[in-house]
C-alpha atoms as a PDB file:
ATOM      1  CA  MET A   1      -9.740   7.485  17.005  1.00  0.00           C
ATOM      2  CA  PHE A   2      -8.632   3.783  17.491  1.00  0.00           C
ATOM      3  CA  THR A   3      -9.643   3.601  20.865  1.00  0.00           C
ATOM      4  CA  GLY A   4      -8.939  -0.469  21.117  1.00  0.00           C
ATOM      5  CA  THR A   5      -5.934  -2.433  22.811  1.00  0.00           C
ATOM      6  CA  PRO A   6      -2.452  -1.985  21.541  1.00  0.00           C
ATOM      7  CA  GLN A   7      -3.087  -6.048  19.954  1.00  0.00           C
ATOM      8  CA  GLU A   8      -5.987  -5.127  18.174  1.00  0.00           C
ATOM      9  CA  LEU A   9      -4.159  -2.028  16.891  1.00  0.00           C
ATOM     10  CA  ARG A  10      -1.149  -3.988  16.024  1.00  0.00           C
ATOM     11  CA  GLU A  11      -3.430  -6.585  14.016  1.00  0.00           C
ATOM     12  CA  ARG A  12      -5.273  -3.909  12.426  1.00  0.00           C
ATOM     13  CA  GLU A  13      -2.277  -2.159  11.012  1.00  0.00           C
ATOM     14  CA  ASP A  14      -0.929  -5.595   9.368  1.00  0.00           C
ATOM     15  CA  GLN A  15      -4.443  -6.346   7.862  1.00  0.00           C
ATOM     16  CA  ALA A  16      -4.089  -2.654   6.458  1.00  0.00           C
ATOM     17  CA  ARG A  17      -0.727  -3.597   4.955  1.00  0.00           C
ATOM     18  CA  GLN A  18      -1.825  -7.199   3.842  1.00  0.00           C
ATOM     19  CA  LEU A  19      -4.620  -5.052   2.267  1.00  0.00           C
ATOM     20  CA  ALA A  20      -2.413  -2.346   1.002  1.00  0.00           C
ATOM     21  CA  ALA A  21       0.107  -4.809  -0.685  1.00  0.00           C
ATOM     22  CA  GLN A  22      -3.064  -6.392  -3.019  1.00  0.00           C
ATOM     23  CA  ALA A  23      -3.710  -2.537  -3.618  1.00  0.00           C
ATOM     24  CA  ALA A  24       0.115  -2.427  -5.145  1.00  0.00           C
ATOM     25  CA  ASN A  25      -0.213  -5.802  -6.933  1.00  0.00           C
ATOM     26  CA  LEU A  26      -3.395  -4.081  -8.863  1.00  0.00           C
ATOM     27  CA  LEU A  27      -1.503  -0.880  -9.476  1.00  0.00           C
ATOM     28  CA  ASN A  28       1.532  -3.261 -10.752  1.00  0.00           C
ATOM     29  CA  GLN A  29      -1.354  -4.999 -13.260  1.00  0.00           C
ATOM     30  CA  ILE A  30      -2.552  -1.882 -14.526  1.00  0.00           C
ATOM     31  CA  ASP A  31       0.743  -0.303 -15.274  1.00  0.00           C
ATOM     32  CA  ALA A  32       1.909  -3.318 -16.944  1.00  0.00           C
ATOM     33  CA  LEU A  33      -1.035  -2.875 -19.408  1.00  0.00           C
ATOM     34  CA  GLY A  34       1.091  -0.893 -21.391  1.00  0.00           C
ATOM     35  CA  LEU A  35      -1.025   2.590 -21.373  1.00  0.00           C
ATOM     36  CA  GLY A  36       1.377   4.785 -19.296  1.00  0.00           C
ATOM     37  CA  ARG A  37       2.725   4.942 -16.019  1.00  0.00           C
ATOM     38  CA  SER A  38       0.950   5.788 -13.008  1.00  0.00           C
ATOM     39  CA  ALA A  39       2.906   7.969 -10.594  1.00  0.00           C
ATOM     40  CA  GLY A  40       2.707   9.384  -6.873  1.00  0.00           C
ATOM     41  CA  GLN A  41       2.045   7.418  -3.703  1.00  0.00           C
ATOM     42  CA  LEU A  42      -1.449   6.357  -1.715  1.00  0.00           C
ATOM     43  CA  HIS A  43      -1.401   7.094   1.979  1.00  0.00           C
ATOM     44  CA  THR A  44      -2.836   4.268   3.851  1.00  0.00           C
ATOM     45  CA  PRO A  45      -3.128   3.836   7.862  1.00  0.00           C
ATOM     46  CA  GLY A  46      -0.663   1.540   7.806  1.00  0.00           C
ATOM     47  CA  GLY A  47       1.971   3.097   5.603  1.00  0.00           C
ATOM     48  CA  MET A  48       2.439   4.199   1.980  1.00  0.00           C
ATOM     49  CA  ILE A  49       1.882   2.712  -1.527  1.00  0.00           C
ATOM     50  CA  ARG A  50       4.582   4.527  -3.949  1.00  0.00           C
ATOM     51  CA  ASN A  51       5.763   4.116  -7.208  1.00  0.00           C
ATOM     52  CA  GLN A  52       9.349   3.366  -7.048  1.00  0.00           C
ATOM     53  CA  PRO A  53      11.197   4.117 -10.362  1.00  0.00           C
ATOM     54  CA  GLY A  54      12.253   0.623 -11.688  1.00  0.00           C
ATOM     55  CA  GLN A  55      10.333  -1.355  -9.113  1.00  0.00           C
ATOM     56  CA  GLY A  56       6.575  -0.743  -9.379  1.00  0.00           C
ATOM     57  CA  TRP A  57       4.424   0.003  -6.599  1.00  0.00           C
ATOM     58  CA  THR A  58       5.841  -0.986  -2.790  1.00  0.00           C
ATOM     59  CA  VAL A  59       4.245  -0.722   0.187  1.00  0.00           C
ATOM     60  CA  THR A  60       6.721   1.094   3.188  1.00  0.00           C
ATOM     61  CA  ASP A  61       5.943   1.922   6.746  1.00  0.00           C
ATOM     62  CA  ARG A  62       5.350   5.172   7.251  1.00  0.00           C
END
């Protein structure tokens, strides 16, 4: 469990969202190889990475 300050929590959540965006980009690149579409969602500390039909992988808040 996180025990830092509220500011530290916000900073870490922002960092988690930035890393999730990088992961979503990599998943889109993997899908673009044409070997089959990935499906599902990944849960992260800052939200979720979801495969949205027609939009690819996107990052959403919880």
